[in-house]
Amino acid sequence: MVSFPNFDVLFSHNFRLNLCLLLASHFKTLTVPVL
C-alpha cells in the first residue's frame, strides 16, 4: 500500500477524532444515561 503524507495525517487526525468522540460518548453515558 502506498502511503502519502496527506493520507497519514488525515488518518491520524480521523483516529484521534474518533477516539475523542468515543471517550466523550462514554463519559456522557456515564454521567447522563441518555440515548
N, C-alpha and C. Protein backbone atom coordinates (compact mmCIF):
# COMPACT_ATOMS: atom_id res chain seq x y z
N MET A 1 0.84 -1.20 0.00
CA MET A 1 0.00 0.00 0.00
C MET A 1 0.88 1.25 0.00
N VAL A 2 0.59 2.15 -0.91
CA VAL A 2 1.37 3.39 -0.99
C VAL A 2 0.88 4.35 0.08
N SER A 3 1.80 4.91 0.85
CA SER A 3 1.43 5.82 1.93
C SER A 3 1.78 7.25 1.56
N PHE A 4 0.81 8.12 1.58
CA PHE A 4 1.04 9.53 1.30
C PHE A 4 1.05 10.30 2.62
N PRO A 5 1.87 11.34 2.72
CA PRO A 5 1.91 12.15 3.94
C PRO A 5 0.53 12.69 4.30
N ASN A 6 -0.18 13.17 3.26
CA ASN A 6 -1.52 13.70 3.49
C ASN A 6 -2.44 12.64 4.07
N PHE A 7 -2.36 11.43 3.52
CA PHE A 7 -3.20 10.34 3.98
C PHE A 7 -2.88 9.99 5.42
N ASP A 8 -1.59 9.94 5.74
CA ASP A 8 -1.17 9.62 7.11
C ASP A 8 -1.71 10.65 8.09
N VAL A 9 -1.56 11.93 7.74
CA VAL A 9 -2.04 13.00 8.61
C VAL A 9 -3.55 12.90 8.77
N LEU A 10 -4.24 12.68 7.65
CA LEU A 10 -5.69 12.59 7.68
C LEU A 10 -6.12 11.41 8.55
N PHE A 11 -5.45 10.29 8.38
CA PHE A 11 -5.80 9.09 9.13
C PHE A 11 -5.60 9.29 10.62
N SER A 12 -4.44 9.85 10.98
CA SER A 12 -4.15 10.07 12.40
C SER A 12 -5.16 11.05 12.99
N HIS A 13 -5.50 12.09 12.22
CA HIS A 13 -6.47 13.08 12.70
C HIS A 13 -7.83 12.42 12.89
N ASN A 14 -8.23 11.60 11.91
CA ASN A 14 -9.51 10.91 11.99
C ASN A 14 -9.53 9.96 13.18
N PHE A 15 -8.42 9.26 13.39
CA PHE A 15 -8.33 8.32 14.51
C PHE A 15 -8.46 9.05 15.84
N ARG A 16 -7.76 10.18 15.95
CA ARG A 16 -7.83 10.96 17.19
C ARG A 16 -9.24 11.49 17.40
N LEU A 17 -9.87 11.95 16.31
CA LEU A 17 -11.23 12.48 16.41
C LEU A 17 -12.18 11.39 16.88
N ASN A 18 -12.05 10.20 16.27
CA ASN A 18 -12.90 9.08 16.66
C ASN A 18 -12.69 8.71 18.12
N LEU A 19 -11.44 8.73 18.56
CA LEU A 19 -11.13 8.39 19.94
C LEU A 19 -11.77 9.41 20.88
N CYS A 20 -11.66 10.69 20.53
CA CYS A 20 -12.25 11.75 21.36
C CYS A 20 -13.76 11.58 21.42
N LEU A 21 -14.38 11.30 20.26
CA LEU A 21 -15.82 11.11 20.22
C LEU A 21 -16.22 9.92 21.07
N LEU A 22 -15.45 8.85 20.98
CA LEU A 22 -15.74 7.64 21.75
C LEU A 22 -15.67 7.94 23.24
N LEU A 23 -14.61 8.63 23.65
CA LEU A 23 -14.46 8.99 25.07
C LEU A 23 -15.59 9.90 25.52
N ALA A 24 -15.93 10.87 24.69
CA ALA A 24 -16.99 11.82 25.03
C ALA A 24 -18.32 11.08 25.21
N SER A 25 -18.64 10.20 24.28
CA SER A 25 -19.89 9.45 24.37
C SER A 25 -19.87 8.53 25.59
N HIS A 26 -18.71 7.95 25.89
CA HIS A 26 -18.58 7.06 27.04
C HIS A 26 -18.85 7.82 28.33
N PHE A 27 -18.22 9.00 28.46
CA PHE A 27 -18.41 9.80 29.67
C PHE A 27 -19.85 10.32 29.74
N LYS A 28 -20.42 10.63 28.57
CA LYS A 28 -21.79 11.13 28.53
C LYS A 28 -22.74 10.05 29.06
N THR A 29 -22.52 8.81 28.62
CA THR A 29 -23.37 7.71 29.07
C THR A 29 -23.15 7.45 30.55
N LEU A 30 -21.93 7.72 31.02
CA LEU A 30 -21.62 7.51 32.43
C LEU A 30 -22.34 8.54 33.29
N THR A 31 -22.30 9.81 32.86
CA THR A 31 -22.90 10.88 33.66
C THR A 31 -24.41 10.93 33.45
N VAL A 32 -24.83 10.99 32.18
CA VAL A 32 -26.26 11.06 31.88
C VAL A 32 -26.63 9.93 30.93
N PRO A 33 -27.20 8.85 31.45
CA PRO A 33 -27.60 7.71 30.61
C PRO A 33 -28.77 8.04 29.69
N VAL A 34 -28.46 8.72 28.59
CA VAL A 34 -29.47 9.03 27.59
C VAL A 34 -29.03 8.43 26.26
N LEU A 35 -29.99 8.17 25.35
CA LEU A 35 -29.72 7.60 24.02
C LEU A 35 -30.31 6.21 23.92
